[in-house]
N, C-alpha and C. Protein backbone atom coordinates (compact mmCIF):
# COMPACT_ATOMS: atom_id res chain seq x y z
N MET A 1 20.10 -53.26 61.72
CA MET A 1 18.97 -52.42 61.41
C MET A 1 18.45 -52.70 60.02
N PRO A 2 17.21 -52.93 59.87
CA PRO A 2 16.63 -53.17 58.52
C PRO A 2 16.72 -51.93 57.63
N GLU A 3 17.08 -52.15 56.39
CA GLU A 3 17.08 -51.06 55.43
C GLU A 3 15.67 -50.68 55.02
N ARG A 4 15.39 -49.45 54.91
CA ARG A 4 14.11 -48.99 54.45
C ARG A 4 14.26 -48.57 52.98
N GLY A 5 13.38 -48.91 52.19
CA GLY A 5 13.41 -48.52 50.81
C GLY A 5 13.02 -47.05 50.55
N VAL A 6 13.09 -46.62 49.40
CA VAL A 6 12.71 -45.23 49.04
C VAL A 6 11.20 -45.18 49.14
N THR A 7 10.69 -44.32 49.99
CA THR A 7 9.28 -44.18 50.19
C THR A 7 8.64 -43.13 49.27
N ARG A 8 7.32 -43.13 49.31
CA ARG A 8 6.62 -42.10 48.49
C ARG A 8 6.97 -40.67 48.96
N ARG A 9 7.15 -40.54 50.30
CA ARG A 9 7.48 -39.23 50.81
C ARG A 9 8.86 -38.77 50.36
N ASP A 10 9.85 -39.75 50.24
CA ASP A 10 11.13 -39.43 49.66
C ASP A 10 11.05 -38.87 48.29
N TRP A 11 10.24 -39.55 47.47
CA TRP A 11 10.02 -39.18 46.07
C TRP A 11 9.37 -37.78 45.98
N THR A 12 8.40 -37.52 46.87
CA THR A 12 7.72 -36.21 46.88
C THR A 12 8.71 -35.11 47.17
N TRP A 13 9.51 -35.30 48.16
CA TRP A 13 10.56 -34.29 48.53
C TRP A 13 11.50 -34.09 47.35
N ALA A 14 11.92 -35.16 46.71
CA ALA A 14 12.90 -35.06 45.65
C ALA A 14 12.28 -34.38 44.42
N ILE A 15 11.08 -34.74 44.09
CA ILE A 15 10.39 -34.06 42.95
C ILE A 15 10.10 -32.61 43.24
N THR A 16 9.71 -32.32 44.45
CA THR A 16 9.48 -30.89 44.83
C THR A 16 10.77 -30.08 44.79
N LEU A 17 11.82 -30.61 45.26
CA LEU A 17 13.11 -29.93 45.23
C LEU A 17 13.58 -29.74 43.81
N GLY A 18 13.43 -30.77 42.99
CA GLY A 18 13.82 -30.64 41.55
C GLY A 18 12.99 -29.65 40.83
N GLY A 19 11.71 -29.64 41.10
CA GLY A 19 10.82 -28.64 40.51
C GLY A 19 11.16 -27.21 40.93
N ALA A 20 11.58 -27.09 42.21
CA ALA A 20 11.91 -25.72 42.67
C ALA A 20 13.19 -25.24 41.97
N VAL A 21 14.15 -26.11 41.73
CA VAL A 21 15.35 -25.76 41.01
C VAL A 21 15.06 -25.40 39.55
N VAL A 22 14.26 -26.18 38.91
CA VAL A 22 13.91 -25.87 37.51
C VAL A 22 13.11 -24.52 37.48
N LEU A 23 12.26 -24.35 38.34
CA LEU A 23 11.46 -23.09 38.40
C LEU A 23 12.38 -21.89 38.64
N GLY A 24 13.29 -22.02 39.56
CA GLY A 24 14.24 -20.95 39.86
C GLY A 24 15.16 -20.61 38.69
N LEU A 25 15.70 -21.63 38.05
CA LEU A 25 16.61 -21.36 36.97
C LEU A 25 15.84 -20.78 35.77
N ALA A 26 14.62 -21.24 35.53
CA ALA A 26 13.76 -20.74 34.49
C ALA A 26 13.53 -19.26 34.71
N LEU A 27 13.23 -18.87 35.91
CA LEU A 27 13.01 -17.45 36.20
C LEU A 27 14.26 -16.58 35.86
N VAL A 28 15.40 -17.09 36.31
CA VAL A 28 16.65 -16.37 35.97
C VAL A 28 16.89 -16.26 34.48
N LEU A 29 16.67 -17.34 33.78
CA LEU A 29 16.89 -17.27 32.33
C LEU A 29 15.89 -16.39 31.60
N VAL A 30 14.69 -16.34 32.07
CA VAL A 30 13.67 -15.52 31.48
C VAL A 30 13.93 -14.05 31.79
N LEU A 31 14.23 -13.76 33.05
CA LEU A 31 14.36 -12.40 33.53
C LEU A 31 15.67 -11.75 33.22
N GLY A 32 16.68 -12.48 32.78
CA GLY A 32 17.95 -11.81 32.47
C GLY A 32 19.15 -12.70 32.91
N GLY A 33 20.23 -12.40 32.31
CA GLY A 33 21.42 -13.17 32.57
C GLY A 33 22.47 -12.36 33.32
N PRO A 34 23.68 -12.80 33.27
CA PRO A 34 24.71 -12.04 33.98
C PRO A 34 24.97 -10.67 33.37
N ALA A 35 25.31 -9.77 34.28
CA ALA A 35 25.64 -8.39 33.90
C ALA A 35 26.92 -7.97 34.48
N GLY A 36 27.79 -7.44 33.72
CA GLY A 36 29.07 -7.03 34.21
C GLY A 36 29.12 -5.57 34.60
N GLY A 37 28.08 -4.82 34.26
CA GLY A 37 28.04 -3.44 34.52
C GLY A 37 27.36 -3.14 35.90
N SER A 38 27.52 -1.94 36.33
CA SER A 38 26.96 -1.36 37.54
C SER A 38 27.25 -2.25 38.78
N ASP A 39 26.30 -2.48 39.65
CA ASP A 39 26.54 -3.15 40.90
C ASP A 39 27.03 -4.60 40.71
N GLN A 40 26.47 -5.32 39.68
CA GLN A 40 26.88 -6.70 39.54
C GLN A 40 28.34 -6.84 39.26
N GLY A 41 28.89 -5.89 38.46
CA GLY A 41 30.34 -5.90 38.18
C GLY A 41 31.16 -5.62 39.48
N VAL A 42 30.70 -4.80 40.35
CA VAL A 42 31.37 -4.50 41.62
C VAL A 42 31.33 -5.77 42.41
N PHE A 43 30.21 -6.44 42.50
CA PHE A 43 30.12 -7.67 43.29
C PHE A 43 31.06 -8.74 42.75
N LEU A 44 31.12 -8.86 41.41
CA LEU A 44 32.07 -9.87 40.86
C LEU A 44 33.49 -9.50 41.19
N SER A 45 33.78 -8.21 41.16
CA SER A 45 35.15 -7.80 41.48
C SER A 45 35.53 -8.08 42.88
N VAL A 46 34.64 -7.80 43.85
CA VAL A 46 34.85 -8.09 45.22
C VAL A 46 34.98 -9.57 45.46
N ALA A 47 34.13 -10.40 44.83
CA ALA A 47 34.22 -11.85 45.00
C ALA A 47 35.54 -12.37 44.40
N ALA A 48 35.95 -11.83 43.29
CA ALA A 48 37.21 -12.30 42.68
C ALA A 48 38.42 -11.88 43.54
N ARG A 49 38.33 -10.72 44.20
CA ARG A 49 39.41 -10.33 45.07
C ARG A 49 39.46 -11.27 46.28
N MET A 50 38.25 -11.62 46.83
CA MET A 50 38.25 -12.59 47.96
C MET A 50 38.84 -13.93 47.54
N LEU A 51 38.55 -14.40 46.28
CA LEU A 51 39.21 -15.62 45.82
C LEU A 51 40.72 -15.54 45.66
N ASP A 52 41.17 -14.29 45.45
CA ASP A 52 42.65 -14.09 45.34
C ASP A 52 43.26 -13.92 46.68
N GLY A 53 42.46 -14.02 47.79
CA GLY A 53 43.01 -13.92 49.10
C GLY A 53 42.83 -12.70 49.89
N ASP A 54 42.18 -11.68 49.28
CA ASP A 54 41.90 -10.48 50.00
C ASP A 54 40.86 -10.69 51.06
N ALA A 55 41.05 -9.99 52.18
CA ALA A 55 40.12 -10.12 53.32
C ALA A 55 38.95 -9.14 53.10
N LEU A 56 37.74 -9.63 53.26
CA LEU A 56 36.52 -8.77 53.16
C LEU A 56 36.51 -7.73 54.27
N TYR A 57 36.17 -6.56 53.88
CA TYR A 57 35.99 -5.44 54.81
C TYR A 57 37.33 -4.78 55.25
N THR A 58 38.45 -5.42 54.97
CA THR A 58 39.74 -4.79 55.30
C THR A 58 40.55 -4.45 54.01
N GLU A 59 40.69 -5.45 53.16
CA GLU A 59 41.41 -5.22 51.91
C GLU A 59 40.50 -4.92 50.72
N VAL A 60 39.29 -5.40 50.82
CA VAL A 60 38.31 -5.08 49.78
C VAL A 60 36.99 -4.78 50.51
N VAL A 61 36.34 -3.68 50.11
CA VAL A 61 35.22 -3.21 50.89
C VAL A 61 33.99 -2.91 49.99
N ASP A 62 32.87 -3.40 50.48
CA ASP A 62 31.58 -3.04 49.87
C ASP A 62 30.58 -3.14 51.02
N ASN A 63 29.42 -2.58 50.90
CA ASN A 63 28.50 -2.47 52.05
C ASN A 63 27.48 -3.62 52.07
N LYS A 64 27.76 -4.74 51.41
CA LYS A 64 26.85 -5.92 51.52
C LYS A 64 27.29 -6.85 52.61
N ASP A 65 26.36 -7.75 53.00
CA ASP A 65 26.65 -8.68 54.07
C ASP A 65 27.66 -9.77 53.65
N PRO A 66 28.35 -10.41 54.58
CA PRO A 66 29.35 -11.34 54.27
C PRO A 66 28.81 -12.62 53.64
N LEU A 67 27.55 -13.05 53.94
CA LEU A 67 26.99 -14.25 53.36
C LEU A 67 26.80 -14.02 51.81
N PHE A 68 26.44 -12.84 51.51
CA PHE A 68 26.18 -12.47 50.08
C PHE A 68 27.52 -12.63 49.36
N PHE A 69 28.62 -12.06 49.85
CA PHE A 69 29.86 -12.13 49.17
C PHE A 69 30.47 -13.54 49.17
N ALA A 70 30.29 -14.29 50.28
CA ALA A 70 30.78 -15.63 50.32
C ALA A 70 30.08 -16.49 49.27
N SER A 71 28.75 -16.35 49.15
CA SER A 71 28.01 -17.14 48.14
C SER A 71 28.41 -16.68 46.74
N TYR A 72 28.66 -15.44 46.58
CA TYR A 72 29.09 -14.91 45.22
C TYR A 72 30.50 -15.49 44.89
N ALA A 73 31.39 -15.46 45.90
CA ALA A 73 32.71 -15.95 45.64
C ALA A 73 32.70 -17.51 45.37
N GLY A 74 31.84 -18.20 46.17
CA GLY A 74 31.72 -19.63 45.92
C GLY A 74 31.18 -19.94 44.54
N ALA A 75 30.18 -19.19 44.11
CA ALA A 75 29.64 -19.42 42.75
C ALA A 75 30.66 -19.06 41.69
N LEU A 76 31.46 -18.02 41.89
CA LEU A 76 32.45 -17.60 40.97
C LEU A 76 33.52 -18.63 40.86
N TRP A 77 33.85 -19.26 41.94
CA TRP A 77 34.91 -20.30 42.01
C TRP A 77 34.40 -21.56 41.23
N VAL A 78 33.14 -21.92 41.45
CA VAL A 78 32.59 -23.10 40.89
C VAL A 78 32.34 -22.98 39.43
N GLY A 79 31.75 -21.87 38.94
CA GLY A 79 31.33 -21.77 37.60
C GLY A 79 31.71 -20.58 36.73
N GLY A 80 32.67 -19.80 37.22
CA GLY A 80 33.10 -18.67 36.50
C GLY A 80 32.19 -17.47 36.63
N TRP A 81 32.31 -16.48 35.79
CA TRP A 81 31.62 -15.16 36.00
C TRP A 81 30.13 -15.29 35.75
N ARG A 82 29.65 -16.34 35.06
CA ARG A 82 28.22 -16.44 34.86
C ARG A 82 27.49 -17.14 36.07
N ALA A 83 28.19 -17.81 36.86
CA ALA A 83 27.56 -18.61 37.94
C ALA A 83 26.87 -17.76 38.99
N PRO A 84 27.37 -16.60 39.37
CA PRO A 84 26.64 -15.79 40.38
C PRO A 84 25.21 -15.42 39.93
N SER A 85 25.03 -15.23 38.60
CA SER A 85 23.65 -15.06 38.08
C SER A 85 22.78 -16.25 38.34
N LEU A 86 23.36 -17.43 38.09
CA LEU A 86 22.60 -18.69 38.24
C LEU A 86 22.33 -18.96 39.75
N LEU A 87 23.12 -18.35 40.60
CA LEU A 87 22.87 -18.49 42.03
C LEU A 87 21.49 -17.95 42.36
N ASP A 88 21.04 -16.98 41.70
CA ASP A 88 19.68 -16.49 41.93
C ASP A 88 18.65 -17.56 41.72
N GLY A 89 18.89 -18.45 40.76
CA GLY A 89 17.97 -19.58 40.51
C GLY A 89 17.86 -20.46 41.76
N LEU A 90 18.98 -20.62 42.45
CA LEU A 90 18.92 -21.40 43.69
C LEU A 90 18.21 -20.66 44.83
N TRP A 91 18.32 -19.28 44.77
CA TRP A 91 17.61 -18.52 45.83
C TRP A 91 16.10 -18.65 45.54
N PHE A 92 15.71 -18.56 44.28
CA PHE A 92 14.26 -18.77 43.91
C PHE A 92 13.82 -20.15 44.32
N ALA A 93 14.67 -21.15 44.11
CA ALA A 93 14.29 -22.49 44.42
C ALA A 93 14.13 -22.64 45.95
N LEU A 94 15.01 -22.09 46.72
CA LEU A 94 14.90 -22.14 48.13
C LEU A 94 13.63 -21.45 48.63
N ALA A 95 13.33 -20.26 48.05
CA ALA A 95 12.08 -19.57 48.42
C ALA A 95 10.84 -20.42 48.10
N ALA A 96 10.79 -21.02 46.94
CA ALA A 96 9.62 -21.85 46.55
C ALA A 96 9.49 -23.05 47.48
N PHE A 97 10.55 -23.73 47.73
CA PHE A 97 10.57 -24.94 48.53
C PHE A 97 10.17 -24.61 49.96
N ALA A 98 10.76 -23.55 50.53
CA ALA A 98 10.46 -23.17 51.90
C ALA A 98 9.04 -22.65 52.05
N PHE A 99 8.52 -21.88 51.08
CA PHE A 99 7.25 -21.36 51.20
C PHE A 99 6.18 -22.47 51.12
N ALA A 100 6.42 -23.45 50.25
CA ALA A 100 5.54 -24.65 50.23
C ALA A 100 5.56 -25.38 51.59
N GLY A 101 6.79 -25.51 52.09
CA GLY A 101 6.90 -26.16 53.44
C GLY A 101 6.22 -25.33 54.57
N LEU A 102 6.31 -24.07 54.48
CA LEU A 102 5.59 -23.20 55.42
C LEU A 102 4.09 -23.37 55.33
N LEU A 103 3.58 -23.33 54.14
CA LEU A 103 2.12 -23.49 53.93
C LEU A 103 1.66 -24.88 54.34
N ARG A 104 2.50 -25.87 54.09
CA ARG A 104 2.15 -27.20 54.58
C ARG A 104 2.11 -27.33 56.04
N GLU A 105 3.10 -26.66 56.74
CA GLU A 105 3.19 -26.64 58.18
C GLU A 105 1.96 -25.96 58.78
N LEU A 106 1.45 -24.98 58.06
CA LEU A 106 0.24 -24.28 58.47
C LEU A 106 -1.06 -25.04 58.20
N ARG A 107 -0.88 -26.25 57.69
CA ARG A 107 -1.96 -27.17 57.31
C ARG A 107 -2.85 -26.59 56.22
N ALA A 108 -2.29 -25.86 55.29
CA ALA A 108 -3.02 -25.34 54.20
C ALA A 108 -3.39 -26.50 53.25
N PRO A 109 -4.51 -26.36 52.48
CA PRO A 109 -4.88 -27.42 51.53
C PRO A 109 -3.82 -27.64 50.54
N ARG A 110 -3.72 -28.81 49.92
CA ARG A 110 -2.71 -29.12 48.95
C ARG A 110 -2.68 -28.14 47.78
N ALA A 111 -3.83 -27.76 47.30
CA ALA A 111 -3.89 -26.79 46.20
C ALA A 111 -3.21 -25.47 46.60
N THR A 112 -3.40 -25.04 47.79
CA THR A 112 -2.80 -23.80 48.21
C THR A 112 -1.25 -23.97 48.30
N VAL A 113 -0.78 -25.08 48.79
CA VAL A 113 0.68 -25.36 48.82
C VAL A 113 1.22 -25.29 47.42
N VAL A 114 0.60 -25.95 46.51
CA VAL A 114 1.07 -26.00 45.09
C VAL A 114 1.12 -24.59 44.50
N VAL A 115 0.06 -23.81 44.71
CA VAL A 115 -0.05 -22.45 44.16
C VAL A 115 1.01 -21.57 44.84
N GLY A 116 1.18 -21.68 46.13
CA GLY A 116 2.19 -20.93 46.86
C GLY A 116 3.60 -21.28 46.39
N PHE A 117 3.83 -22.56 46.13
CA PHE A 117 5.11 -22.97 45.62
C PHE A 117 5.47 -22.27 44.29
N ALA A 118 4.48 -22.08 43.42
CA ALA A 118 4.75 -21.45 42.14
C ALA A 118 4.66 -19.93 42.20
N VAL A 119 3.78 -19.38 43.05
CA VAL A 119 3.57 -17.89 43.02
C VAL A 119 4.61 -17.15 43.87
N HIS A 120 5.03 -17.76 44.93
CA HIS A 120 5.98 -16.98 45.75
C HIS A 120 7.21 -16.57 45.00
N PRO A 121 7.88 -17.47 44.26
CA PRO A 121 9.09 -16.98 43.49
C PRO A 121 8.68 -15.94 42.44
N LEU A 122 7.49 -16.06 41.89
CA LEU A 122 7.09 -15.05 40.89
C LEU A 122 6.92 -13.70 41.58
N ALA A 123 6.44 -13.71 42.77
CA ALA A 123 6.32 -12.49 43.49
C ALA A 123 7.61 -11.87 43.83
N LEU A 124 8.65 -12.69 44.15
CA LEU A 124 9.99 -12.27 44.36
C LEU A 124 10.67 -11.71 43.12
N ALA A 125 10.15 -12.14 41.96
CA ALA A 125 10.72 -11.69 40.67
C ALA A 125 9.94 -10.58 40.14
N GLY A 126 9.38 -9.73 40.99
CA GLY A 126 8.60 -8.60 40.57
C GLY A 126 9.45 -7.55 39.84
N SER A 127 8.88 -6.38 39.71
CA SER A 127 9.52 -5.29 38.90
C SER A 127 10.87 -4.84 39.54
N TRP A 128 11.02 -5.09 40.89
CA TRP A 128 12.29 -4.64 41.53
C TRP A 128 13.47 -5.55 41.21
N TYR A 129 13.23 -6.75 40.72
CA TYR A 129 14.25 -7.78 40.62
C TYR A 129 15.20 -7.49 39.46
N PHE A 130 16.49 -7.51 39.79
CA PHE A 130 17.52 -7.51 38.78
C PHE A 130 18.54 -8.66 39.09
N THR A 131 18.98 -9.39 38.11
CA THR A 131 19.80 -10.57 38.34
C THR A 131 21.09 -10.16 39.09
N GLY A 132 21.41 -10.98 40.05
CA GLY A 132 22.70 -10.84 40.75
C GLY A 132 22.73 -9.86 41.89
N LEU A 133 21.64 -9.22 42.27
CA LEU A 133 21.66 -8.26 43.41
C LEU A 133 21.43 -9.01 44.71
N SER A 134 21.61 -8.28 45.80
CA SER A 134 21.61 -8.93 47.11
C SER A 134 20.27 -9.16 47.79
N MET A 135 19.24 -8.50 47.39
CA MET A 135 17.96 -8.56 48.09
C MET A 135 17.30 -9.90 48.00
N LEU A 136 17.47 -10.57 46.89
CA LEU A 136 16.76 -11.86 46.69
C LEU A 136 17.17 -12.93 47.70
N GLY A 137 18.42 -13.02 48.09
CA GLY A 137 18.91 -14.00 49.08
C GLY A 137 18.26 -13.83 50.43
N GLY A 138 18.19 -12.58 50.86
CA GLY A 138 17.54 -12.27 52.15
C GLY A 138 16.01 -12.57 52.16
N LEU A 139 15.38 -12.20 51.05
CA LEU A 139 13.94 -12.43 50.96
C LEU A 139 13.66 -13.96 50.85
N ALA A 140 14.56 -14.69 50.27
CA ALA A 140 14.33 -16.13 50.12
C ALA A 140 14.50 -16.83 51.50
N LEU A 141 15.24 -16.27 52.41
CA LEU A 141 15.41 -16.89 53.70
C LEU A 141 14.30 -16.62 54.66
N VAL A 142 13.42 -15.66 54.38
CA VAL A 142 12.27 -15.34 55.29
C VAL A 142 11.36 -16.54 55.53
N PRO A 143 10.92 -17.19 54.47
CA PRO A 143 10.04 -18.38 54.75
C PRO A 143 10.76 -19.55 55.42
N VAL A 144 12.07 -19.63 55.23
CA VAL A 144 12.88 -20.66 55.88
C VAL A 144 12.83 -20.47 57.39
N SER A 145 13.12 -19.27 57.84
CA SER A 145 13.18 -19.05 59.30
C SER A 145 11.78 -19.17 59.92
N THR A 146 10.78 -18.79 59.18
CA THR A 146 9.39 -18.90 59.70
C THR A 146 8.92 -20.40 59.73
N TRP A 147 9.27 -21.07 58.74
CA TRP A 147 9.00 -22.51 58.74
C TRP A 147 9.69 -23.26 59.84
N LEU A 148 10.99 -22.98 60.06
CA LEU A 148 11.73 -23.58 61.18
C LEU A 148 11.11 -23.23 62.51
N TRP A 149 10.73 -21.97 62.67
CA TRP A 149 10.10 -21.53 63.90
C TRP A 149 8.83 -22.22 64.19
N LEU A 150 7.97 -22.43 63.18
CA LEU A 150 6.70 -23.11 63.33
C LEU A 150 6.93 -24.60 63.70
N ARG A 151 8.03 -25.21 63.18
CA ARG A 151 8.34 -26.55 63.45
C ARG A 151 8.96 -26.71 64.84
N GLY A 152 9.18 -25.62 65.57
CA GLY A 152 9.76 -25.73 66.92
C GLY A 152 11.24 -25.73 66.90
N ARG A 153 11.90 -25.42 65.84
CA ARG A 153 13.38 -25.39 65.77
C ARG A 153 13.86 -23.97 65.97
N PHE A 154 13.63 -23.45 67.15
CA PHE A 154 13.89 -22.03 67.43
C PHE A 154 15.33 -21.62 67.22
N SER A 155 16.26 -22.47 67.66
CA SER A 155 17.64 -22.06 67.54
C SER A 155 18.11 -21.94 66.13
N ARG A 156 17.59 -22.78 65.20
CA ARG A 156 17.91 -22.69 63.81
C ARG A 156 17.24 -21.54 63.13
N ALA A 157 16.03 -21.17 63.61
CA ALA A 157 15.26 -20.12 62.97
C ALA A 157 15.83 -18.74 63.19
N ASP A 158 16.36 -18.55 64.42
CA ASP A 158 16.87 -17.16 64.70
C ASP A 158 18.43 -17.13 64.66
N GLY A 159 19.06 -18.21 64.47
CA GLY A 159 20.55 -18.19 64.32
C GLY A 159 21.25 -18.22 65.65
N SER A 160 20.53 -18.30 66.76
CA SER A 160 21.17 -18.30 68.04
C SER A 160 21.63 -19.77 68.40
N THR A 161 22.32 -19.88 69.50
CA THR A 161 22.75 -21.19 69.85
C THR A 161 21.96 -21.79 71.04
N CYS A 162 20.94 -21.09 71.56
CA CYS A 162 20.16 -21.65 72.60
C CYS A 162 19.21 -22.69 72.03
N THR A 163 18.83 -23.64 72.87
CA THR A 163 18.00 -24.74 72.40
C THR A 163 16.65 -24.85 73.12
N THR A 164 16.07 -23.72 73.35
CA THR A 164 14.79 -23.68 74.12
C THR A 164 13.67 -24.18 73.26
């Protein structure tokens, strides 16, 4: 099979993804860093207990979803107590990238896609946003599921296993 070189489309995706990560991390750095008090401290404690082997919802309990705590524990394991705050940068990046993909799938003009890419994370970073809380991850996944649904990938968009 002949090798294909790196195409312009590959570079576009790579630059877009890199831009999304830079934008997301910049938003986190501008809007605030890690906090050990209040809810963020509780989330860090639960994640640390999970890393020590405690089972979520039986040995350590909080009312957030398991994906939130699994991502928090993973970030804590990778980068220490500051990393879960930086995880928000990846959520912002996912939101920007997916929203641009969604607009592109809707055949929006290129300028609209670029503006949506930049504005959507800014909208998610509104007055309600505090670093390290759980709402950002869920809101970042909304354009992902919609984008997948528009592309005809129904089983991936709704999380089910059917392939209709």
